[in-house]
Amino acid sequence: MLSKQREDSATQFRDAGREDLYEKETNEANLLKTYLPSQLSDDELKEIISQIIIQTKAVGMKDMGKVMGQSIAKIAGKADGKRINSFVKELLG
């Protein structure tokens, strides 16, 4: 995702002391975000993943792949994959 790349670049520029490039990348990331769908809150994300766990009858980490596949398909564009993964692990663990 382009906005994520911009945010990563901005962090690197800030760490390197290049405030001018940091601001440029941050502004571009913010502009790109205005065109993206709004992100789900943590509570909304947990609720959706919980429903998927119930529907798939997942009972532990052995079912993580099944839950992740359906979660990513259903939540695509509304939450970062890392967030989805984190909540699936939390709820299945």
PDB file of N, CA and C in Angstrom:
ATOM      1  N   MET A   1       0.856  -1.164   0.000  1.00  0.00           N
ATOM      2  CA  MET A   1       0.000   0.000   0.000  1.00  0.00           C
ATOM      3  C   MET A   1       0.909   1.235   0.000  1.00  0.00           C
ATOM      4  N   LEU A   2       0.573   2.171  -0.825  1.00  0.00           N
ATOM      5  CA  LEU A   2       1.412   3.356  -0.977  1.00  0.00           C
ATOM      6  C   LEU A   2       1.487   4.211   0.282  1.00  0.00           C
ATOM      7  N   SER A   3       0.381   4.322   0.998  1.00  0.00           N
ATOM      8  CA  SER A   3       0.417   5.156   2.201  1.00  0.00           C
ATOM      9  C   SER A   3       1.341   4.538   3.252  1.00  0.00           C
ATOM     10  N   LYS A   4       1.347   3.218   3.343  1.00  0.00           N
ATOM     11  CA  LYS A   4       2.236   2.529   4.291  1.00  0.00           C
ATOM     12  C   LYS A   4       3.698   2.754   3.902  1.00  0.00           C
ATOM     13  N   GLN A   5       3.999   2.708   2.614  1.00  0.00           N
ATOM     14  CA  GLN A   5       5.356   2.961   2.147  1.00  0.00           C
ATOM     15  C   GLN A   5       5.788   4.384   2.493  1.00  0.00           C
ATOM     16  N   ARG A   6       4.881   5.321   2.319  1.00  0.00           N
ATOM     17  CA  ARG A   6       5.185   6.718   2.653  1.00  0.00           C
ATOM     18  C   ARG A   6       5.454   6.877   4.146  1.00  0.00           C
ATOM     19  N   GLU A   7       4.647   6.211   4.970  1.00  0.00           N
ATOM     20  CA  GLU A   7       4.842   6.297   6.423  1.00  0.00           C
ATOM     21  C   GLU A   7       6.184   5.690   6.831  1.00  0.00           C
ATOM     22  N   ASP A   8       6.540   4.568   6.216  1.00  0.00           N
ATOM     23  CA  ASP A   8       7.833   3.939   6.507  1.00  0.00           C
ATOM     24  C   ASP A   8       8.987   4.852   6.101  1.00  0.00           C
ATOM     25  N   SER A   9       8.862   5.459   4.927  1.00  0.00           N
ATOM     26  CA  SER A   9       9.899   6.387   4.469  1.00  0.00           C
ATOM     27  C   SER A   9      10.004   7.588   5.398  1.00  0.00           C
ATOM     28  N   ALA A  10       8.861   8.111   5.821  1.00  0.00           N
ATOM     29  CA  ALA A  10       8.853   9.267   6.715  1.00  0.00           C
ATOM     30  C   ALA A  10       9.573   8.939   8.017  1.00  0.00           C
ATOM     31  N   THR A  11       9.332   7.751   8.553  1.00  0.00           N
ATOM     32  CA  THR A  11       9.997   7.329   9.790  1.00  0.00           C
ATOM     33  C   THR A  11      11.507   7.275   9.602  1.00  0.00           C
ATOM     34  N   GLN A  12      11.935   6.731   8.483  1.00  0.00           N
ATOM     35  CA  GLN A  12      13.368   6.648   8.206  1.00  0.00           C
ATOM     36  C   GLN A  12      13.987   8.031   8.059  1.00  0.00           C
ATOM     37  N   PHE A  13      13.282   8.930   7.384  1.00  0.00           N
ATOM     38  CA  PHE A  13      13.792  10.295   7.226  1.00  0.00           C
ATOM     39  C   PHE A  13      13.873  11.016   8.567  1.00  0.00           C
ATOM     40  N   ARG A  14      12.858  10.828   9.414  1.00  0.00           N
ATOM     41  CA  ARG A  14      12.875  11.451  10.735  1.00  0.00           C
ATOM     42  C   ARG A  14      14.054  10.925  11.550  1.00  0.00           C
ATOM     43  N   ASP A  15      14.254   9.618  11.513  1.00  0.00           N
ATOM     44  CA  ASP A  15      15.359   9.016  12.254  1.00  0.00           C
ATOM     45  C   ASP A  15      16.719   9.505  11.755  1.00  0.00           C
ATOM     46  N   ALA A  16      16.778   9.855  10.470  1.00  0.00           N
ATOM     47  CA  ALA A  16      18.024  10.341   9.883  1.00  0.00           C
ATOM     48  C   ALA A  16      18.186  11.849  10.043  1.00  0.00           C
ATOM     49  N   GLY A  17      17.205  12.504  10.666  1.00  0.00           N
ATOM     50  CA  GLY A  17      17.288  13.944  10.884  1.00  0.00           C
ATOM     51  C   GLY A  17      16.921  14.782   9.680  1.00  0.00           C
ATOM     52  N   ARG A  18      16.232  14.186   8.721  1.00  0.00           N
ATOM     53  CA  ARG A  18      15.831  14.909   7.512  1.00  0.00           C
ATOM     54  C   ARG A  18      14.381  15.350   7.636  1.00  0.00           C
ATOM     55  N   GLU A  19      14.154  16.395   8.440  1.00  0.00           N
ATOM     56  CA  GLU A  19      12.799  16.871   8.708  1.00  0.00           C
ATOM     57  C   GLU A  19      12.081  17.331   7.440  1.00  0.00           C
ATOM     58  N   ASP A  20      12.822  17.903   6.479  1.00  0.00           N
ATOM     59  CA  ASP A  20      12.203  18.373   5.243  1.00  0.00           C
ATOM     60  C   ASP A  20      11.572  17.203   4.479  1.00  0.00           C
ATOM     61  N   LEU A  21      12.299  16.105   4.344  1.00  0.00           N
ATOM     62  CA  LEU A  21      11.766  14.936   3.644  1.00  0.00           C
ATOM     63  C   LEU A  21      10.721  14.205   4.488  1.00  0.00           C
ATOM     64  N   TYR A  22      10.885  14.255   5.799  1.00  0.00           N
ATOM     65  CA  TYR A  22       9.896  13.657   6.707  1.00  0.00           C
ATOM     66  C   TYR A  22       8.536  14.312   6.497  1.00  0.00           C
ATOM     67  N   GLU A  23       8.513  15.636   6.470  1.00  0.00           N
ATOM     68  CA  GLU A  23       7.258  16.363   6.275  1.00  0.00           C
ATOM     69  C   GLU A  23       6.633  16.054   4.923  1.00  0.00           C
ATOM     70  N   LYS A  24       7.458  16.007   3.893  1.00  0.00           N
ATOM     71  CA  LYS A  24       6.962  15.718   2.541  1.00  0.00           C
ATOM     72  C   LYS A  24       6.295  14.343   2.500  1.00  0.00           C
ATOM     73  N   GLU A  25       6.965  13.327   3.025  1.00  0.00           N
ATOM     74  CA  GLU A  25       6.416  11.970   3.011  1.00  0.00           C
ATOM     75  C   GLU A  25       5.162  11.866   3.876  1.00  0.00           C
ATOM     76  N   THR A  26       5.163  12.523   5.016  1.00  0.00           N
ATOM     77  CA  THR A  26       3.997  12.499   5.905  1.00  0.00           C
ATOM     78  C   THR A  26       2.801  13.143   5.223  1.00  0.00           C
ATOM     79  N   ASN A  27       3.006  14.269   4.566  1.00  0.00           N
ATOM     80  CA  ASN A  27       1.915  14.940   3.861  1.00  0.00           C
ATOM     81  C   ASN A  27       1.365  14.074   2.733  1.00  0.00           C
ATOM     82  N   GLU A  28       2.254  13.408   1.999  1.00  0.00           N
ATOM     83  CA  GLU A  28       1.798  12.550   0.911  1.00  0.00           C
ATOM     84  C   GLU A  28       1.039  11.332   1.456  1.00  0.00           C
ATOM     85  N   ALA A  29       1.499  10.774   2.568  1.00  0.00           N
ATOM     86  CA  ALA A  29       0.798   9.637   3.184  1.00  0.00           C
ATOM     87  C   ALA A  29      -0.601  10.062   3.620  1.00  0.00           C
ATOM     88  N   ASN A  30      -0.703  11.225   4.222  1.00  0.00           N
ATOM     89  CA  ASN A  30      -2.013  11.719   4.665  1.00  0.00           C
ATOM     90  C   ASN A  30      -2.947  11.968   3.494  1.00  0.00           C
ATOM     91  N   LEU A  31      -2.416  12.471   2.395  1.00  0.00           N
ATOM     92  CA  LEU A  31      -3.220  12.706   1.205  1.00  0.00           C
ATOM     93  C   LEU A  31      -3.743  11.380   0.653  1.00  0.00           C
ATOM     94  N   LEU A  32      -2.880  10.380   0.581  1.00  0.00           N
ATOM     95  CA  LEU A  32      -3.303   9.070   0.083  1.00  0.00           C
ATOM     96  C   LEU A  32      -4.377   8.448   0.968  1.00  0.00           C
ATOM     97  N   LYS A  33      -4.281   8.659   2.267  1.00  0.00           N
ATOM     98  CA  LYS A  33      -5.248   8.076   3.200  1.00  0.00           C
ATOM     99  C   LYS A  33      -6.658   8.621   2.981  1.00  0.00           C
ATOM    100  N   THR A  34      -6.773   9.838   2.456  1.00  0.00           N
ATOM    101  CA  THR A  34      -8.106  10.407   2.233  1.00  0.00           C
ATOM    102  C   THR A  34      -8.877   9.621   1.168  1.00  0.00           C
ATOM    103  N   TYR A  35      -8.163   8.879   0.335  1.00  0.00           N
ATOM    104  CA  TYR A  35      -8.796   8.109  -0.728  1.00  0.00           C
ATOM    105  C   TYR A  35      -9.048   6.655  -0.334  1.00  0.00           C
ATOM    106  N   LEU A  36      -8.577   6.257   0.821  1.00  0.00           N
ATOM    107  CA  LEU A  36      -8.727   4.879   1.272  1.00  0.00           C
ATOM    108  C   LEU A  36      -9.980   4.726   2.121  1.00  0.00           C
ATOM    109  N   PRO A  37     -10.539   3.498   2.168  1.00  0.00           N
ATOM    110  CA  PRO A  37     -11.692   3.285   3.052  1.00  0.00           C
ATOM    111  C   PRO A  37     -11.282   3.480   4.506  1.00  0.00           C
ATOM    112  N   SER A  38     -12.232   3.890   5.323  1.00  0.00           N
ATOM    113  CA  SER A  38     -11.910   4.097   6.737  1.00  0.00           C
ATOM    114  C   SER A  38     -11.557   2.764   7.381  1.00  0.00           C
ATOM    115  N   GLN A  39     -10.660   2.813   8.354  1.00  0.00           N
ATOM    116  CA  GLN A  39     -10.182   1.620   9.035  1.00  0.00           C
ATOM    117  C   GLN A  39     -11.134   1.242  10.171  1.00  0.00           C
ATOM    118  N   LEU A  40     -11.263  -0.054  10.400  1.00  0.00           N
ATOM    119  CA  LEU A  40     -12.104  -0.549  11.487  1.00  0.00           C
ATOM    120  C   LEU A  40     -11.443  -0.278  12.830  1.00  0.00           C
ATOM    121  N   SER A  41     -12.258  -0.024  13.832  1.00  0.00           N
ATOM    122  CA  SER A  41     -11.730   0.133  15.187  1.00  0.00           C
ATOM    123  C   SER A  41     -11.333  -1.250  15.702  1.00  0.00           C
ATOM    124  N   ASP A  42     -10.573  -1.286  16.788  1.00  0.00           N
ATOM    125  CA  ASP A  42     -10.172  -2.561  17.381  1.00  0.00           C
ATOM    126  C   ASP A  42     -11.391  -3.387  17.778  1.00  0.00           C
ATOM    127  N   ASP A  43     -12.392  -2.736  18.361  1.00  0.00           N
ATOM    128  CA  ASP A  43     -13.601  -3.453  18.783  1.00  0.00           C
ATOM    129  C   ASP A  43     -14.354  -4.039  17.587  1.00  0.00           C
ATOM    130  N   GLU A  44     -14.478  -3.263  16.523  1.00  0.00           N
ATOM    131  CA  GLU A  44     -15.160  -3.753  15.320  1.00  0.00           C
ATOM    132  C   GLU A  44     -14.401  -4.932  14.716  1.00  0.00           C
ATOM    133  N   LEU A  45     -13.081  -4.808  14.687  1.00  0.00           N
ATOM    134  CA  LEU A  45     -12.243  -5.864  14.131  1.00  0.00           C
ATOM    135  C   LEU A  45     -12.368  -7.150  14.943  1.00  0.00           C
ATOM    136  N   LYS A  46     -12.315  -7.031  16.263  1.00  0.00           N
ATOM    137  CA  LYS A  46     -12.463  -8.203  17.132  1.00  0.00           C
ATOM    138  C   LYS A  46     -13.822  -8.861  16.939  1.00  0.00           C
ATOM    139  N   GLU A  47     -14.853  -8.061  16.798  1.00  0.00           N
ATOM    140  CA  GLU A  47     -16.205  -8.606  16.617  1.00  0.00           C
ATOM    141  C   GLU A  47     -16.297  -9.409  15.325  1.00  0.00           C
ATOM    142  N   ILE A  48     -15.788  -8.878  14.238  1.00  0.00           N
ATOM    143  CA  ILE A  48     -15.839  -9.577  12.952  1.00  0.00           C
ATOM    144  C   ILE A  48     -15.043 -10.880  13.028  1.00  0.00           C
ATOM    145  N   ILE A  49     -13.846 -10.817  13.584  1.00  0.00           N
ATOM    146  CA  ILE A  49     -13.013 -12.019  13.690  1.00  0.00           C
ATOM    147  C   ILE A  49     -13.661 -13.051  14.612  1.00  0.00           C
ATOM    148  N   SER A  50     -14.277 -12.598  15.685  1.00  0.00           N
ATOM    149  CA  SER A  50     -14.981 -13.514  16.590  1.00  0.00           C
ATOM    150  C   SER A  50     -16.098 -14.247  15.856  1.00  0.00           C
ATOM    151  N   GLN A  51     -16.840 -13.528  15.036  1.00  0.00           N
ATOM    152  CA  GLN A  51     -17.918 -14.140  14.257  1.00  0.00           C
ATOM    153  C   GLN A  51     -17.365 -15.177  13.276  1.00  0.00           C
ATOM    154  N   ILE A  52     -16.239 -14.863  12.657  1.00  0.00           N
ATOM    155  CA  ILE A  52     -15.614 -15.802  11.725  1.00  0.00           C
ATOM    156  C   ILE A  52     -15.158 -17.053  12.463  1.00  0.00           C
ATOM    157  N   ILE A  53     -14.614 -16.883  13.652  1.00  0.00           N
ATOM    158  CA  ILE A  53     -14.186 -18.030  14.464  1.00  0.00           C
ATOM    159  C   ILE A  53     -15.384 -18.926  14.790  1.00  0.00           C
ATOM    160  N   ILE A  54     -16.496 -18.317  15.132  1.00  0.00           N
ATOM    161  CA  ILE A  54     -17.713 -19.084  15.437  1.00  0.00           C
ATOM    162  C   ILE A  54     -18.206 -19.816  14.180  1.00  0.00           C
ATOM    163  N   GLN A  55     -18.245 -19.108  13.054  1.00  0.00           N
ATOM    164  CA  GLN A  55     -18.747 -19.693  11.806  1.00  0.00           C
ATOM    165  C   GLN A  55     -17.878 -20.863  11.331  1.00  0.00           C
ATOM    166  N   THR A  56     -16.571 -20.738  11.499  1.00  0.00           N
ATOM    167  CA  THR A  56     -15.654 -21.778  11.028  1.00  0.00           C
ATOM    168  C   THR A  56     -15.447 -22.874  12.061  1.00  0.00           C
ATOM    169  N   LYS A  57     -15.998 -22.668  13.253  1.00  0.00           N
ATOM    170  CA  LYS A  57     -15.836 -23.617  14.356  1.00  0.00           C
ATOM    171  C   LYS A  57     -14.365 -23.842  14.691  1.00  0.00           C
ATOM    172  N   ALA A  58     -13.593 -22.766  14.589  1.00  0.00           N
ATOM    173  CA  ALA A  58     -12.165 -22.830  14.913  1.00  0.00           C
ATOM    174  C   ALA A  58     -11.996 -22.992  16.414  1.00  0.00           C
ATOM    175  N   VAL A  59     -11.035 -23.834  16.804  1.00  0.00           N
ATOM    176  CA  VAL A  59     -10.861 -24.115  18.232  1.00  0.00           C
ATOM    177  C   VAL A  59      -9.443 -23.851  18.731  1.00  0.00           C
ATOM    178  N   GLY A  60      -8.556 -23.467  17.898  1.00  0.00           N
ATOM    179  CA  GLY A  60      -7.200 -23.211  18.367  1.00  0.00           C
ATOM    180  C   GLY A  60      -6.314 -22.735  17.233  1.00  0.00           C
ATOM    181  N   MET A  61      -5.032 -22.630  17.539  1.00  0.00           N
ATOM    182  CA  MET A  61      -4.078 -22.101  16.578  1.00  0.00           C
ATOM    183  C   MET A  61      -3.976 -22.964  15.316  1.00  0.00           C
ATOM    184  N   LYS A  62      -4.358 -24.245  15.419  1.00  0.00           N
ATOM    185  CA  LYS A  62      -4.316 -25.107  14.237  1.00  0.00           C
ATOM    186  C   LYS A  62      -5.295 -24.634  13.161  1.00  0.00           C
ATOM    187  N   ASP A  63      -6.279 -23.854  13.550  1.00  0.00           N
ATOM    188  CA  ASP A  63      -7.277 -23.331  12.615  1.00  0.00           C
ATOM    189  C   ASP A  63      -6.979 -21.896  12.172  1.00  0.00           C
ATOM    190  N   MET A  64      -5.800 -21.416  12.505  1.00  0.00           N
ATOM    191  CA  MET A  64      -5.462 -20.020  12.209  1.00  0.00           C
ATOM    192  C   MET A  64      -5.529 -19.720  10.713  1.00  0.00           C
ATOM    193  N   GLY A  65      -5.025 -20.614   9.877  1.00  0.00           N
ATOM    194  CA  GLY A  65      -5.044 -20.378   8.431  1.00  0.00           C
ATOM    195  C   GLY A  65      -6.441 -20.203   7.883  1.00  0.00           C
ATOM    196  N   LYS A  66      -7.351 -21.034   8.362  1.00  0.00           N
ATOM    197  CA  LYS A  66      -8.750 -20.964   7.926  1.00  0.00           C
ATOM    198  C   LYS A  66      -9.365 -19.626   8.341  1.00  0.00           C
ATOM    199  N   VAL A  67      -9.106 -19.208   9.576  1.00  0.00           N
ATOM    200  CA  VAL A  67      -9.671 -17.951  10.083  1.00  0.00           C
ATOM    201  C   VAL A  67      -9.033 -16.756   9.380  1.00  0.00           C
ATOM    202  N   MET A  68      -7.723 -16.806   9.194  1.00  0.00           N
ATOM    203  CA  MET A  68      -7.028 -15.701   8.514  1.00  0.00           C
ATOM    204  C   MET A  68      -7.547 -15.527   7.091  1.00  0.00           C
ATOM    205  N   GLY A  69      -7.714 -16.618   6.371  1.00  0.00           N
ATOM    206  CA  GLY A  69      -8.187 -16.543   4.989  1.00  0.00           C
ATOM    207  C   GLY A  69      -9.530 -15.851   4.883  1.00  0.00           C
ATOM    208  N   GLN A  70     -10.458 -16.265   5.728  1.00  0.00           N
ATOM    209  CA  GLN A  70     -11.792 -15.656   5.686  1.00  0.00           C
ATOM    210  C   GLN A  70     -11.781 -14.234   6.212  1.00  0.00           C
ATOM    211  N   SER A  71     -10.935 -13.977   7.223  1.00  0.00           N
ATOM    212  CA  SER A  71     -10.859 -12.622   7.787  1.00  0.00           C
ATOM    213  C   SER A  71     -10.324 -11.634   6.765  1.00  0.00           C
ATOM    214  N   ILE A  72      -9.259 -12.011   6.096  1.00  0.00           N
ATOM    215  CA  ILE A  72      -8.667 -11.116   5.101  1.00  0.00           C
ATOM    216  C   ILE A  72      -9.648 -10.870   3.962  1.00  0.00           C
ATOM    217  N   ALA A  73     -10.347 -11.912   3.537  1.00  0.00           N
ATOM    218  CA  ALA A  73     -11.327 -11.748   2.454  1.00  0.00           C
ATOM    219  C   ALA A  73     -12.453 -10.796   2.861  1.00  0.00           C
ATOM    220  N   LYS A  74     -12.909 -10.906   4.093  1.00  0.00           N
ATOM    221  CA  LYS A  74     -14.033 -10.092   4.549  1.00  0.00           C
ATOM    222  C   LYS A  74     -13.625  -8.667   4.920  1.00  0.00           C
ATOM    223  N   ILE A  75     -12.415  -8.501   5.444  1.00  0.00           N
ATOM    224  CA  ILE A  75     -11.992  -7.210   5.992  1.00  0.00           C
ATOM    225  C   ILE A  75     -11.102  -6.426   5.027  1.00  0.00           C
ATOM    226  N   ALA A  76     -10.785  -6.988   3.894  1.00  0.00           N
ATOM    227  CA  ALA A  76      -9.848  -6.396   2.938  1.00  0.00           C
ATOM    228  C   ALA A  76     -10.024  -4.887   2.780  1.00  0.00           C
ATOM    229  N   GLY A  77      -8.938  -4.160   2.983  1.00  0.00           N
ATOM    230  CA  GLY A  77      -8.937  -2.714   2.821  1.00  0.00           C
ATOM    231  C   GLY A  77      -9.409  -1.936   4.036  1.00  0.00           C
ATOM    232  N   LYS A  78      -9.975  -2.617   5.014  1.00  0.00           N
ATOM    233  CA  LYS A  78     -10.501  -1.934   6.184  1.00  0.00           C
ATOM    234  C   LYS A  78      -9.640  -2.127   7.418  1.00  0.00           C
ATOM    235  N   ALA A  79      -8.591  -2.983   7.299  1.00  0.00           N
ATOM    236  CA  ALA A  79      -7.660  -3.198   8.406  1.00  0.00           C
ATOM    237  C   ALA A  79      -6.365  -3.767   7.837  1.00  0.00           C
ATOM    238  N   ASP A  80      -5.284  -3.391   8.433  1.00  0.00           N
ATOM    239  CA  ASP A  80      -3.964  -3.869   8.043  1.00  0.00           C
ATOM    240  C   ASP A  80      -3.845  -5.358   8.379  1.00  0.00           C
ATOM    241  N   GLY A  81      -3.158  -6.102   7.534  1.00  0.00           N
ATOM    242  CA  GLY A  81      -2.973  -7.527   7.751  1.00  0.00           C
ATOM    243  C   GLY A  81      -2.317  -7.865   9.077  1.00  0.00           C
ATOM    244  N   LYS A  82      -1.417  -7.008   9.530  1.00  0.00           N
ATOM    245  CA  LYS A  82      -0.751  -7.236  10.810  1.00  0.00           C
ATOM    246  C   LYS A  82      -1.749  -7.144  11.967  1.00  0.00           C
ATOM    247  N   ARG A  83      -2.666  -6.185  11.875  1.00  0.00           N
ATOM    248  CA  ARG A  83      -3.691  -6.060  12.912  1.00  0.00           C
ATOM    249  C   ARG A  83      -4.605  -7.271  12.915  1.00  0.00           C
ATOM    250  N   ILE A  84      -5.005  -7.708  11.730  1.00  0.00           N
ATOM    251  CA  ILE A  84      -5.867  -8.887  11.626  1.00  0.00           C
ATOM    252  C   ILE A  84      -5.171 -10.088  12.250  1.00  0.00           C
ATOM    253  N   ASN A  85      -3.923 -10.302  11.874  1.00  0.00           N
ATOM    254  CA  ASN A  85      -3.139 -11.426  12.390  1.00  0.00           C
ATOM    255  C   ASN A  85      -3.040 -11.377  13.905  1.00  0.00           C
ATOM    256  N   SER A  86      -2.785 -10.203  14.429  1.00  0.00           N
ATOM    257  CA  SER A  86      -2.640 -10.036  15.874  1.00  0.00           C
ATOM    258  C   SER A  86      -3.920 -10.419  16.619  1.00  0.00           C
ATOM    259  N   PHE A  87      -5.067  -9.974  16.112  1.00  0.00           N
ATOM    260  CA  PHE A  87      -6.328 -10.273  16.774  1.00  0.00           C
ATOM    261  C   PHE A  87      -6.724 -11.741  16.609  1.00  0.00           C
ATOM    262  N   VAL A  88      -6.425 -12.317  15.451  1.00  0.00           N
ATOM    263  CA  VAL A  88      -6.726 -13.750  15.264  1.00  0.00           C
ATOM    264  C   VAL A  88      -5.923 -14.566  16.273  1.00  0.00           C
ATOM    265  N   LYS A  89      -4.632 -14.252  16.423  1.00  0.00           N
ATOM    266  CA  LYS A  89      -3.805 -14.960  17.408  1.00  0.00           C
ATOM    267  C   LYS A  89      -4.340 -14.787  18.818  1.00  0.00           C
ATOM    268  N   GLU A  90      -4.724 -13.563  19.134  1.00  0.00           N
ATOM    269  CA  GLU A  90      -5.250 -13.271  20.477  1.00  0.00           C
ATOM    270  C   GLU A  90      -6.531 -14.060  20.746  1.00  0.00           C
ATOM    271  N   LEU A  91      -7.432 -14.075  19.791  1.00  0.00           N
ATOM    272  CA  LEU A  91      -8.723 -14.722  20.002  1.00  0.00           C
ATOM    273  C   LEU A  91      -8.653 -16.243  19.921  1.00  0.00           C
ATOM    274  N   LEU A  92      -7.706 -16.768  19.151  1.00  0.00           N
ATOM    275  CA  LEU A  92      -7.558 -18.224  19.067  1.00  0.00           C
ATOM    276  C   LEU A  92      -6.649 -18.775  20.163  1.00  0.00           C
ATOM    277  N   GLY A  93      -5.743 -17.926  20.643  1.00  0.00           N
ATOM    278  CA  GLY A  93      -4.747 -18.364  21.619  1.00  0.00           C
ATOM    279  C   GLY A  93      -5.352 -18.736  22.901  1.00  0.00           C
TER     280      GLY A  93
END
